[in-house]
PDB file of N, CA and C in Angstrom:
ATOM      1  N   MET A   1      -1.940  23.184 -23.839  1.00  0.00           N
ATOM      2  CA  MET A   1      -1.788  22.659 -22.491  1.00  0.00           C
ATOM      3  C   MET A   1      -2.007  23.784 -21.489  1.00  0.00           C
ATOM      4  N   ASN A   2      -2.830  23.546 -20.522  1.00  0.00           N
ATOM      5  CA  ASN A   2      -3.128  24.535 -19.497  1.00  0.00           C
ATOM      6  C   ASN A   2      -2.216  24.295 -18.303  1.00  0.00           C
ATOM      7  N   VAL A   3      -1.122  25.026 -18.236  1.00  0.00           N
ATOM      8  CA  VAL A   3      -0.137  24.830 -17.168  1.00  0.00           C
ATOM      9  C   VAL A   3      -0.750  25.125 -15.812  1.00  0.00           C
ATOM     10  N   THR A   4      -1.514  26.189 -15.718  1.00  0.00           N
ATOM     11  CA  THR A   4      -2.148  26.533 -14.445  1.00  0.00           C
ATOM     12  C   THR A   4      -3.050  25.400 -13.975  1.00  0.00           C
ATOM     13  N   GLY A   5      -3.820  24.844 -14.889  1.00  0.00           N
ATOM     14  CA  GLY A   5      -4.686  23.721 -14.532  1.00  0.00           C
ATOM     15  C   GLY A   5      -3.893  22.516 -14.078  1.00  0.00           C
ATOM     16  N   ASP A   6      -2.775  22.237 -14.760  1.00  0.00           N
ATOM     17  CA  ASP A   6      -1.945  21.093 -14.377  1.00  0.00           C
ATOM     18  C   ASP A   6      -1.351  21.286 -12.991  1.00  0.00           C
ATOM     19  N   VAL A   7      -0.874  22.499 -12.699  1.00  0.00           N
ATOM     20  CA  VAL A   7      -0.323  22.775 -11.375  1.00  0.00           C
ATOM     21  C   VAL A   7      -1.409  22.619 -10.323  1.00  0.00           C
ATOM     22  N   TYR A   8      -2.589  23.147 -10.610  1.00  0.00           N
ATOM     23  CA  TYR A   8      -3.702  23.018  -9.670  1.00  0.00           C
ATOM     24  C   TYR A   8      -4.044  21.550  -9.447  1.00  0.00           C
ATOM     25  N   ASP A   9      -4.127  20.785 -10.536  1.00  0.00           N
ATOM     26  CA  ASP A   9      -4.460  19.367 -10.414  1.00  0.00           C
ATOM     27  C   ASP A   9      -3.420  18.630  -9.583  1.00  0.00           C
ATOM     28  N   ASN A  10      -2.144  18.929  -9.786  1.00  0.00           N
ATOM     29  CA  ASN A  10      -1.091  18.290  -8.999  1.00  0.00           C
ATOM     30  C   ASN A  10      -1.207  18.672  -7.530  1.00  0.00           C
ATOM     31  N   ARG A  11      -1.466  19.940  -7.272  1.00  0.00           N
ATOM     32  CA  ARG A  11      -1.612  20.405  -5.890  1.00  0.00           C
ATOM     33  C   ARG A  11      -2.820  19.734  -5.244  1.00  0.00           C
ATOM     34  N   THR A  12      -3.918  19.656  -5.972  1.00  0.00           N
ATOM     35  CA  THR A  12      -5.125  19.026  -5.450  1.00  0.00           C
ATOM     36  C   THR A  12      -4.877  17.549  -5.166  1.00  0.00           C
ATOM     37  N   ALA A  13      -4.213  16.862  -6.080  1.00  0.00           N
ATOM     38  CA  ALA A  13      -3.911  15.441  -5.873  1.00  0.00           C
ATOM     39  C   ALA A  13      -3.041  15.258  -4.638  1.00  0.00           C
ATOM     40  N   LYS A  14      -2.040  16.117  -4.482  1.00  0.00           N
ATOM     41  CA  LYS A  14      -1.157  16.025  -3.315  1.00  0.00           C
ATOM     42  C   LYS A  14      -1.948  16.258  -2.031  1.00  0.00           C
ATOM     43  N   GLU A  15      -2.816  17.248  -2.031  1.00  0.00           N
ATOM     44  CA  GLU A  15      -3.645  17.528  -0.853  1.00  0.00           C
ATOM     45  C   GLU A  15      -4.576  16.359  -0.548  1.00  0.00           C
ATOM     46  N   ASN A  16      -5.146  15.757  -1.585  1.00  0.00           N
ATOM     47  CA  ASN A  16      -6.028  14.607  -1.382  1.00  0.00           C
ATOM     48  C   ASN A  16      -5.272  13.432  -0.780  1.00  0.00           C
ATOM     49  N   MET A  17      -4.065  13.158  -1.290  1.00  0.00           N
ATOM     50  CA  MET A  17      -3.262  12.058  -0.754  1.00  0.00           C
ATOM     51  C   MET A  17      -2.899  12.332   0.701  1.00  0.00           C
ATOM     52  N   LYS A  18      -2.550  13.570   1.023  1.00  0.00           N
ATOM     53  CA  LYS A  18      -2.204  13.942   2.396  1.00  0.00           C
ATOM     54  C   LYS A  18      -3.411  13.732   3.310  1.00  0.00           C
ATOM     55  N   THR A  19      -4.582  14.134   2.851  1.00  0.00           N
ATOM     56  CA  THR A  19      -5.803  13.954   3.632  1.00  0.00           C
ATOM     57  C   THR A  19      -6.077  12.476   3.874  1.00  0.00           C
ATOM     58  N   LEU A  20      -5.918  11.656   2.840  1.00  0.00           N
ATOM     59  CA  LEU A  20      -6.124  10.212   2.994  1.00  0.00           C
ATOM     60  C   LEU A  20      -5.162   9.640   4.016  1.00  0.00           C
ATOM     61  N   GLU A  21      -3.900  10.051   3.934  1.00  0.00           N
ATOM     62  CA  GLU A  21      -2.895   9.551   4.872  1.00  0.00           C
ATOM     63  C   GLU A  21      -3.260   9.938   6.300  1.00  0.00           C
ATOM     64  N   GLU A  22      -3.685  11.170   6.515  1.00  0.00           N
ATOM     65  CA  GLU A  22      -4.060  11.623   7.852  1.00  0.00           C
ATOM     66  C   GLU A  22      -5.267  10.861   8.373  1.00  0.00           C
ATOM     67  N   GLN A  23      -6.245  10.597   7.521  1.00  0.00           N
ATOM     68  CA  GLN A  23      -7.434   9.860   7.943  1.00  0.00           C
ATOM     69  C   GLN A  23      -7.072   8.446   8.363  1.00  0.00           C
ATOM     70  N   VAL A  24      -6.193   7.809   7.607  1.00  0.00           N
ATOM     71  CA  VAL A  24      -5.800   6.445   7.949  1.00  0.00           C
ATOM     72  C   VAL A  24      -5.004   6.434   9.242  1.00  0.00           C
ATOM     73  N   LYS A  25      -4.102   7.394   9.437  1.00  0.00           N
ATOM     74  CA  LYS A  25      -3.332   7.458  10.677  1.00  0.00           C
ATOM     75  C   LYS A  25      -4.252   7.608  11.879  1.00  0.00           C
ATOM     76  N   GLU A  26      -5.328   8.377  11.723  1.00  0.00           N
ATOM     77  CA  GLU A  26      -6.254   8.590  12.824  1.00  0.00           C
ATOM     78  C   GLU A  26      -7.051   7.336  13.150  1.00  0.00           C
ATOM     79  N   THR A  27      -7.340   6.509  12.150  1.00  0.00           N
ATOM     80  CA  THR A  27      -8.188   5.344  12.388  1.00  0.00           C
ATOM     81  C   THR A  27      -7.400   4.044  12.502  1.00  0.00           C
ATOM     82  N   GLU A  28      -6.122   4.076  12.146  1.00  0.00           N
ATOM     83  CA  GLU A  28      -5.330   2.855  12.152  1.00  0.00           C
ATOM     84  C   GLU A  28      -5.079   2.409  13.585  1.00  0.00           C
ATOM     85  N   GLU A  29      -5.234   1.136  13.819  1.00  0.00           N
ATOM     86  CA  GLU A  29      -4.892   0.606  15.115  1.00  0.00           C
ATOM     87  C   GLU A  29      -4.262  -0.760  14.929  1.00  0.00           C
ATOM     88  N   GLU A  30      -3.368  -1.082  15.834  1.00  0.00           N
ATOM     89  CA  GLU A  30      -2.681  -2.360  15.780  1.00  0.00           C
ATOM     90  C   GLU A  30      -3.601  -3.420  16.387  1.00  0.00           C
ATOM     91  N   LYS A  31      -3.878  -4.463  15.656  1.00  0.00           N
ATOM     92  CA  LYS A  31      -4.729  -5.540  16.148  1.00  0.00           C
ATOM     93  C   LYS A  31      -3.836  -6.628  16.746  1.00  0.00           C
ATOM     94  N   GLU A  32      -4.352  -7.332  17.731  1.00  0.00           N
ATOM     95  CA  GLU A  32      -3.603  -8.442  18.300  1.00  0.00           C
ATOM     96  C   GLU A  32      -3.382  -9.483  17.211  1.00  0.00           C
ATOM     97  N   GLY A  33      -2.133  -9.858  17.012  1.00  0.00           N
ATOM     98  CA  GLY A  33      -1.820 -10.845  15.993  1.00  0.00           C
ATOM     99  C   GLY A  33      -1.560 -10.246  14.625  1.00  0.00           C
ATOM    100  N   GLY A  34      -1.581  -8.932  14.475  1.00  0.00           N
ATOM    101  CA  GLY A  34      -1.224  -8.365  13.180  1.00  0.00           C
ATOM    102  C   GLY A  34      -2.063  -7.179  12.769  1.00  0.00           C
ATOM    103  N   GLU A  35      -1.912  -6.811  11.509  1.00  0.00           N
ATOM    104  CA  GLU A  35      -2.573  -5.634  10.958  1.00  0.00           C
ATOM    105  C   GLU A  35      -4.044  -5.908  10.676  1.00  0.00           C
ATOM    106  N   ASP A  36      -4.796  -4.856  10.571  1.00  0.00           N
ATOM    107  CA  ASP A  36      -6.186  -4.968  10.164  1.00  0.00           C
ATOM    108  C   ASP A  36      -6.207  -4.992   8.640  1.00  0.00           C
ATOM    109  N   VAL A  37      -6.411  -6.154   8.067  1.00  0.00           N
ATOM    110  CA  VAL A  37      -6.354  -6.331   6.618  1.00  0.00           C
ATOM    111  C   VAL A  37      -7.413  -5.478   5.929  1.00  0.00           C
ATOM    112  N   ALA A  38      -8.605  -5.433   6.472  1.00  0.00           N
ATOM    113  CA  ALA A  38      -9.683  -4.656   5.851  1.00  0.00           C
ATOM    114  C   ALA A  38      -9.322  -3.181   5.769  1.00  0.00           C
ATOM    115  N   LEU A  39      -8.671  -2.642   6.794  1.00  0.00           N
ATOM    116  CA  LEU A  39      -8.265  -1.238   6.783  1.00  0.00           C
ATOM    117  C   LEU A  39      -7.221  -0.991   5.704  1.00  0.00           C
ATOM    118  N   THR A  40      -6.285  -1.906   5.562  1.00  0.00           N
ATOM    119  CA  THR A  40      -5.253  -1.765   4.540  1.00  0.00           C
ATOM    120  C   THR A  40      -5.864  -1.806   3.142  1.00  0.00           C
ATOM    121  N   VAL A  41      -6.780  -2.722   2.914  1.00  0.00           N
ATOM    122  CA  VAL A  41      -7.448  -2.809   1.609  1.00  0.00           C
ATOM    123  C   VAL A  41      -8.259  -1.538   1.356  1.00  0.00           C
ATOM    124  N   ALA A  42      -8.947  -1.041   2.370  1.00  0.00           N
ATOM    125  CA  ALA A  42      -9.731   0.191   2.214  1.00  0.00           C
ATOM    126  C   ALA A  42      -8.822   1.371   1.885  1.00  0.00           C
ATOM    127  N   TYR A  43      -7.668   1.449   2.529  1.00  0.00           N
ATOM    128  CA  TYR A  43      -6.709   2.526   2.256  1.00  0.00           C
ATOM    129  C   TYR A  43      -6.218   2.436   0.815  1.00  0.00           C
ATOM    130  N   ALA A  44      -5.881   1.244   0.371  1.00  0.00           N
ATOM    131  CA  ALA A  44      -5.422   1.051  -1.008  1.00  0.00           C
ATOM    132  C   ALA A  44      -6.528   1.420  -1.997  1.00  0.00           C
ATOM    133  N   ARG A  45      -7.756   1.062  -1.676  1.00  0.00           N
ATOM    134  CA  ARG A  45      -8.892   1.409  -2.541  1.00  0.00           C
ATOM    135  C   ARG A  45      -9.061   2.933  -2.616  1.00  0.00           C
ATOM    136  N   MET A  46      -8.895   3.635  -1.484  1.00  0.00           N
ATOM    137  CA  MET A  46      -8.992   5.098  -1.489  1.00  0.00           C
ATOM    138  C   MET A  46      -7.911   5.709  -2.371  1.00  0.00           C
ATOM    139  N   LEU A  47      -6.703   5.144  -2.316  1.00  0.00           N
ATOM    140  CA  LEU A  47      -5.625   5.655  -3.160  1.00  0.00           C
ATOM    141  C   LEU A  47      -5.968   5.485  -4.640  1.00  0.00           C
ATOM    142  N   CYS A  48      -6.528   4.330  -4.987  1.00  0.00           N
ATOM    143  CA  CYS A  48      -6.942   4.101  -6.383  1.00  0.00           C
ATOM    144  C   CYS A  48      -8.052   5.062  -6.782  1.00  0.00           C
ATOM    145  N   ASP A  49      -9.011   5.258  -5.895  1.00  0.00           N
ATOM    146  CA  ASP A  49     -10.108   6.182  -6.183  1.00  0.00           C
ATOM    147  C   ASP A  49      -9.604   7.610  -6.358  1.00  0.00           C
ATOM    148  N   ALA A  50      -8.493   7.943  -5.685  1.00  0.00           N
ATOM    149  CA  ALA A  50      -7.912   9.286  -5.784  1.00  0.00           C
ATOM    150  C   ALA A  50      -7.026   9.434  -7.015  1.00  0.00           C
ATOM    151  N   GLY A  51      -6.834   8.326  -7.749  1.00  0.00           N
ATOM    152  CA  GLY A  51      -6.090   8.425  -8.997  1.00  0.00           C
ATOM    153  C   GLY A  51      -4.743   7.743  -9.026  1.00  0.00           C
ATOM    154  N   ALA A  52      -4.398   6.983  -7.996  1.00  0.00           N
ATOM    155  CA  ALA A  52      -3.118   6.268  -8.021  1.00  0.00           C
ATOM    156  C   ALA A  52      -3.074   5.349  -9.236  1.00  0.00           C
ATOM    157  N   GLN A  53      -1.949   5.324  -9.931  1.00  0.00           N
ATOM    158  CA  GLN A  53      -1.792   4.527 -11.146  1.00  0.00           C
ATOM    159  C   GLN A  53      -1.136   3.182 -10.880  1.00  0.00           C
ATOM    160  N   LEU A  54      -0.517   3.016  -9.717  1.00  0.00           N
ATOM    161  CA  LEU A  54       0.047   1.738  -9.282  1.00  0.00           C
ATOM    162  C   LEU A  54       0.242   1.806  -7.786  1.00  0.00           C
ATOM    163  N   LEU A  55       0.387   0.640  -7.156  1.00  0.00           N
ATOM    164  CA  LEU A  55       0.644   0.564  -5.723  1.00  0.00           C
ATOM    165  C   LEU A  55       1.872  -0.294  -5.488  1.00  0.00           C
ATOM    166  N   THR A  56       2.728   0.151  -4.591  1.00  0.00           N
ATOM    167  CA  THR A  56       3.849  -0.650  -4.116  1.00  0.00           C
ATOM    168  C   THR A  56       3.646  -0.833  -2.623  1.00  0.00           C
ATOM    169  N   ILE A  57       3.628  -2.074  -2.174  1.00  0.00           N
ATOM    170  CA  ILE A  57       3.308  -2.368  -0.777  1.00  0.00           C
ATOM    171  C   ILE A  57       4.490  -3.068  -0.125  1.00  0.00           C
ATOM    172  N   HIS A  58       4.931  -2.504   1.001  1.00  0.00           N
ATOM    173  CA  HIS A  58       6.077  -3.059   1.714  1.00  0.00           C
ATOM    174  C   HIS A  58       5.659  -4.174   2.667  1.00  0.00           C
ATOM    175  N   GLY A  59       4.462  -4.123   3.177  1.00  0.00           N
ATOM    176  CA  GLY A  59       3.948  -5.211   4.006  1.00  0.00           C
ATOM    177  C   GLY A  59       4.380  -5.191   5.457  1.00  0.00           C
ATOM    178  N   ARG A  60       4.811  -4.030   5.937  1.00  0.00           N
ATOM    179  CA  ARG A  60       5.186  -3.907   7.343  1.00  0.00           C
ATOM    180  C   ARG A  60       4.429  -2.729   7.955  1.00  0.00           C
ATOM    181  N   THR A  61       4.277  -2.765   9.271  1.00  0.00           N
ATOM    182  CA  THR A  61       3.618  -1.665   9.975  1.00  0.00           C
ATOM    183  C   THR A  61       4.634  -0.583  10.306  1.00  0.00           C
ATOM    184  N   ARG A  62       4.145   0.552  10.771  1.00  0.00           N
ATOM    185  CA  ARG A  62       5.030   1.669  11.132  1.00  0.00           C
ATOM    186  C   ARG A  62       5.977   1.316  12.269  1.00  0.00           C
ATOM    187  N   VAL A  63       5.559   0.431  13.170  1.00  0.00           N
ATOM    188  CA  VAL A  63       6.404   0.088  14.316  1.00  0.00           C
ATOM    189  C   VAL A  63       7.500  -0.900  13.942  1.00  0.00           C
ATOM    190  N   MET A  64       7.446  -1.472  12.768  1.00  0.00           N
ATOM    191  CA  MET A  64       8.437  -2.463  12.342  1.00  0.00           C
ATOM    192  C   MET A  64       9.633  -1.758  11.714  1.00  0.00           C
ATOM    193  N   LYS A  65      10.473  -1.168  12.596  1.00  0.00           N
ATOM    194  CA  LYS A  65      11.649  -0.427  12.154  1.00  0.00           C
ATOM    195  C   LYS A  65      12.864  -0.913  12.922  1.00  0.00           C
ATOM    196  N   GLY A  66      14.034  -0.714  12.324  1.00  0.00           N
ATOM    197  CA  GLY A  66      15.285  -1.055  13.004  1.00  0.00           C
ATOM    198  C   GLY A  66      15.317  -2.494  13.449  1.00  0.00           C
ATOM    199  N   GLN A  67      15.580  -2.704  14.729  1.00  0.00           N
ATOM    200  CA  GLN A  67      15.688  -4.067  15.252  1.00  0.00           C
ATOM    201  C   GLN A  67      14.334  -4.763  15.362  1.00  0.00           C
ATOM    202  N   HIS A  68      13.262  -4.027  15.162  1.00  0.00           N
ATOM    203  CA  HIS A  68      11.908  -4.592  15.238  1.00  0.00           C
ATOM    204  C   HIS A  68      11.309  -4.839  13.856  1.00  0.00           C
ATOM    205  N   THR A  69      12.153  -4.976  12.836  1.00  0.00           N
ATOM    206  CA  THR A  69      11.677  -5.074  11.461  1.00  0.00           C
ATOM    207  C   THR A  69      10.775  -6.282  11.249  1.00  0.00           C
ATOM    208  N   GLY A  70      11.248  -7.480  11.487  1.00  0.00           N
ATOM    209  CA  GLY A  70      10.439  -8.670  11.274  1.00  0.00           C
ATOM    210  C   GLY A  70      10.120  -8.908   9.809  1.00  0.00           C
ATOM    211  N   GLN A  71       9.307  -9.904   9.553  1.00  0.00           N
ATOM    212  CA  GLN A  71       8.920 -10.273   8.195  1.00  0.00           C
ATOM    213  C   GLN A  71       7.709  -9.467   7.737  1.00  0.00           C
ATOM    214  N   ALA A  72       7.709  -9.117   6.469  1.00  0.00           N
ATOM    215  CA  ALA A  72       6.541  -8.453   5.891  1.00  0.00           C
ATOM    216  C   ALA A  72       5.363  -9.426   5.913  1.00  0.00           C
ATOM    217  N   ASN A  73       4.173  -8.890   6.075  1.00  0.00           N
ATOM    218  CA  ASN A  73       2.966  -9.707   6.100  1.00  0.00           C
ATOM    219  C   ASN A  73       2.453  -9.872   4.669  1.00  0.00           C
ATOM    220  N   LEU A  74       2.833 -10.966   4.043  1.00  0.00           N
ATOM    221  CA  LEU A  74       2.468 -11.197   2.647  1.00  0.00           C
ATOM    222  C   LEU A  74       0.979 -11.434   2.461  1.00  0.00           C
ATOM    223  N   SER A  75       0.296 -11.894   3.504  1.00  0.00           N
ATOM    224  CA  SER A  75      -1.149 -12.118   3.365  1.00  0.00           C
ATOM    225  C   SER A  75      -1.901 -10.794   3.213  1.00  0.00           C
ATOM    226  N   VAL A  76      -1.393  -9.723   3.820  1.00  0.00           N
ATOM    227  CA  VAL A  76      -2.006  -8.403   3.645  1.00  0.00           C
ATOM    228  C   VAL A  76      -1.824  -7.948   2.204  1.00  0.00           C
ATOM    229  N   ILE A  77      -0.625  -8.143   1.674  1.00  0.00           N
ATOM    230  CA  ILE A  77      -0.345  -7.768   0.285  1.00  0.00           C
ATOM    231  C   ILE A  77      -1.229  -8.582  -0.658  1.00  0.00           C
ATOM    232  N   ALA A  78      -1.384  -9.861  -0.367  1.00  0.00           N
ATOM    233  CA  ALA A  78      -2.240 -10.722  -1.193  1.00  0.00           C
ATOM    234  C   ALA A  78      -3.687 -10.236  -1.179  1.00  0.00           C
ATOM    235  N   ALA A  79      -4.162  -9.773  -0.025  1.00  0.00           N
ATOM    236  CA  ALA A  79      -5.541  -9.278   0.070  1.00  0.00           C
ATOM    237  C   ALA A  79      -5.737  -8.022  -0.777  1.00  0.00           C
ATOM    238  N   VAL A  80      -4.749  -7.122  -0.758  1.00  0.00           N
ATOM    239  CA  VAL A  80      -4.834  -5.915  -1.587  1.00  0.00           C
ATOM    240  C   VAL A  80      -4.815  -6.307  -3.061  1.00  0.00           C
ATOM    241  N   HIS A  81      -3.937  -7.236  -3.414  1.00  0.00           N
ATOM    242  CA  HIS A  81      -3.852  -7.692  -4.806  1.00  0.00           C
ATOM    243  C   HIS A  81      -5.178  -8.291  -5.264  1.00  0.00           C
ATOM    244  N   LYS A  82      -5.752  -9.138  -4.429  1.00  0.00           N
ATOM    245  CA  LYS A  82      -7.022  -9.778  -4.783  1.00  0.00           C
ATOM    246  C   LYS A  82      -8.121  -8.735  -5.007  1.00  0.00           C
ATOM    247  N   ALA A  83      -8.128  -7.696  -4.182  1.00  0.00           N
ATOM    248  CA  ALA A  83      -9.180  -6.683  -4.268  1.00  0.00           C
ATOM    249  C   ALA A  83      -8.985  -5.702  -5.417  1.00  0.00           C
ATOM    250  N   LEU A  84      -7.729  -5.416  -5.789  1.00  0.00           N
ATOM    251  CA  LEU A  84      -7.492  -4.280  -6.683  1.00  0.00           C
ATOM    252  C   LEU A  84      -6.636  -4.551  -7.913  1.00  0.00           C
ATOM    253  N   HIS A  85      -6.178  -5.781  -8.118  1.00  0.00           N
ATOM    254  CA  HIS A  85      -5.260  -6.024  -9.238  1.00  0.00           C
ATOM    255  C   HIS A  85      -5.891  -5.710 -10.596  1.00  0.00           C
ATOM    256  N   HIS A  86      -7.206  -5.740 -10.673  1.00  0.00           N
ATOM    257  CA  HIS A  86      -7.892  -5.425 -11.934  1.00  0.00           C
ATOM    258  C   HIS A  86      -7.916  -3.922 -12.209  1.00  0.00           C
ATOM    259  N   ARG A  87      -7.589  -3.111 -11.204  1.00  0.00           N
ATOM    260  CA  ARG A  87      -7.612  -1.647 -11.371  1.00  0.00           C
ATOM    261  C   ARG A  87      -6.237  -1.044 -11.618  1.00  0.00           C
ATOM    262  N   VAL A  88      -5.240  -1.520 -10.873  1.00  0.00           N
ATOM    263  CA  VAL A  88      -3.890  -0.954 -10.986  1.00  0.00           C
ATOM    264  C   VAL A  88      -2.857  -2.060 -10.811  1.00  0.00           C
ATOM    265  N   PRO A  89      -1.660  -1.879 -11.370  1.00  0.00           N
ATOM    266  CA  PRO A  89      -0.576  -2.819 -11.081  1.00  0.00           C
ATOM    267  C   PRO A  89      -0.193  -2.707  -9.602  1.00  0.00           C
ATOM    268  N   ILE A  90       0.110  -3.837  -8.992  1.00  0.00           N
ATOM    269  CA  ILE A  90       0.491  -3.853  -7.581  1.00  0.00           C
ATOM    270  C   ILE A  90       1.827  -4.568  -7.456  1.00  0.00           C
ATOM    271  N   PHE A  91       2.758  -3.902  -6.776  1.00  0.00           N
ATOM    272  CA  PHE A  91       4.094  -4.447  -6.560  1.00  0.00           C
ATOM    273  C   PHE A  91       4.292  -4.698  -5.074  1.00  0.00           C
ATOM    274  N   THR A  92       5.014  -5.759  -4.753  1.00  0.00           N
ATOM    275  CA  THR A  92       5.409  -6.030  -3.377  1.00  0.00           C
ATOM    276  C   THR A  92       6.918  -5.891  -3.287  1.00  0.00           C
ATOM    277  N   ASN A  93       7.403  -5.348  -2.172  1.00  0.00           N
ATOM    278  CA  ASN A  93       8.849  -5.271  -1.999  1.00  0.00           C
ATOM    279  C   ASN A  93       9.282  -5.708  -0.608  1.00  0.00           C
ATOM    280  N   GLY A  94       8.406  -6.315   0.152  1.00  0.00           N
ATOM    281  CA  GLY A  94       8.780  -6.808   1.471  1.00  0.00           C
ATOM    282  C   GLY A  94       9.372  -8.203   1.386  1.00  0.00           C
ATOM    283  N   ASN A  95      10.361  -8.476   2.230  1.00  0.00           N
ATOM    284  CA  ASN A  95      11.008  -9.797   2.316  1.00  0.00           C
ATOM    285  C   ASN A  95      11.771 -10.173   1.055  1.00  0.00           C
ATOM    286  N   VAL A  96      12.292  -9.240   0.314  1.00  0.00           N
ATOM    287  CA  VAL A  96      13.006  -9.569  -0.918  1.00  0.00           C
ATOM    288  C   VAL A  96      14.499  -9.315  -0.733  1.00  0.00           C
ATOM    289  N   LEU A  97      15.245 -10.395  -0.564  1.00  0.00           N
ATOM    290  CA  LEU A  97      16.699 -10.314  -0.424  1.00  0.00           C
ATOM    291  C   LEU A  97      17.420 -11.062  -1.536  1.00  0.00           C
ATOM    292  N   CYS A  98      16.723 -11.986  -2.188  1.00  0.00           N
ATOM    293  CA  CYS A  98      17.333 -12.766  -3.260  1.00  0.00           C
ATOM    294  C   CYS A  98      16.231 -13.193  -4.237  1.00  0.00           C
ATOM    295  N   PHE A  99      16.625 -13.826  -5.334  1.00  0.00           N
ATOM    296  CA  PHE A  99      15.654 -14.210  -6.350  1.00  0.00           C
ATOM    297  C   PHE A  99      14.618 -15.200  -5.813  1.00  0.00           C
ATOM    298  N   GLY A 100      15.030 -16.080  -4.918  1.00  0.00           N
ATOM    299  CA  GLY A 100      14.080 -17.016  -4.316  1.00  0.00           C
ATOM    300  C   GLY A 100      12.960 -16.296  -3.581  1.00  0.00           C
ATOM    301  N   ASP A 101      13.298 -15.158  -2.966  1.00  0.00           N
ATOM    302  CA  ASP A 101      12.289 -14.352  -2.281  1.00  0.00           C
ATOM    303  C   ASP A 101      11.293 -13.760  -3.271  1.00  0.00           C
ATOM    304  N   VAL A 102      11.771 -13.396  -4.448  1.00  0.00           N
ATOM    305  CA  VAL A 102      10.881 -12.880  -5.496  1.00  0.00           C
ATOM    306  C   VAL A 102       9.852 -13.953  -5.850  1.00  0.00           C
ATOM    307  N   LEU A 103      10.330 -15.176  -6.045  1.00  0.00           N
ATOM    308  CA  LEU A 103       9.424 -16.278  -6.390  1.00  0.00           C
ATOM    309  C   LEU A 103       8.433 -16.562  -5.266  1.00  0.00           C
ATOM    310  N   GLN A 104       8.906 -16.504  -4.018  1.00  0.00           N
ATOM    311  CA  GLN A 104       8.028 -16.720  -2.860  1.00  0.00           C
ATOM    312  C   GLN A 104       6.946 -15.642  -2.795  1.00  0.00           C
ATOM    313  N   ASN A 105       7.347 -14.383  -2.952  1.00  0.00           N
ATOM    314  CA  ASN A 105       6.368 -13.289  -2.934  1.00  0.00           C
ATOM    315  C   ASN A 105       5.337 -13.461  -4.042  1.00  0.00           C
ATOM    316  N   LEU A 106       5.802 -13.790  -5.228  1.00  0.00           N
ATOM    317  CA  LEU A 106       4.895 -13.985  -6.360  1.00  0.00           C
ATOM    318  C   LEU A 106       3.908 -15.111  -6.074  1.00  0.00           C
ATOM    319  N   SER A 107       4.407 -16.192  -5.496  1.00  0.00           N
ATOM    320  CA  SER A 107       3.561 -17.338  -5.186  1.00  0.00           C
ATOM    321  C   SER A 107       2.493 -16.996  -4.142  1.00  0.00           C
ATOM    322  N   VAL A 108       2.889 -16.274  -3.095  1.00  0.00           N
ATOM    323  CA  VAL A 108       1.974 -15.977  -1.992  1.00  0.00           C
ATOM    324  C   VAL A 108       1.031 -14.819  -2.310  1.00  0.00           C
ATOM    325  N   THR A 109       1.562 -13.764  -2.944  1.00  0.00           N
ATOM    326  CA  THR A 109       0.778 -12.534  -3.108  1.00  0.00           C
ATOM    327  C   THR A 109       0.156 -12.362  -4.483  1.00  0.00           C
ATOM    328  N   GLY A 110       0.732 -12.996  -5.486  1.00  0.00           N
ATOM    329  CA  GLY A 110       0.304 -12.748  -6.858  1.00  0.00           C
ATOM    330  C   GLY A 110       0.959 -11.514  -7.453  1.00  0.00           C
ATOM    331  N   CYS A 111       1.822 -10.872  -6.664  1.00  0.00           N
ATOM    332  CA  CYS A 111       2.512  -9.649  -7.111  1.00  0.00           C
ATOM    333  C   CYS A 111       3.970  -9.955  -7.418  1.00  0.00           C
TER     334      CYS A 111
END
């Protein structure tokens, strides 16, 4: 086992993920009526291309915090699932407070 190589690979992966996050922050914009689904799917695809082994999606925007939380956008999660479920496992964790919510998420998103 090449420890130096493993450390380098981990550092490189971390740097790549940071770069992806910065690129998305620079291009992300709030659309009237909700998130840009295509941008979210593209971001998820970039993460998979960079080596992500699974995705967990909360389904809320950055501004949805505290008293502005609101409901997760399950249609965005469904779009990511439709585009990438054949590549990596995808989990949803938005709007889950009870078992009925799990069933609802599964029904709407496929996750």
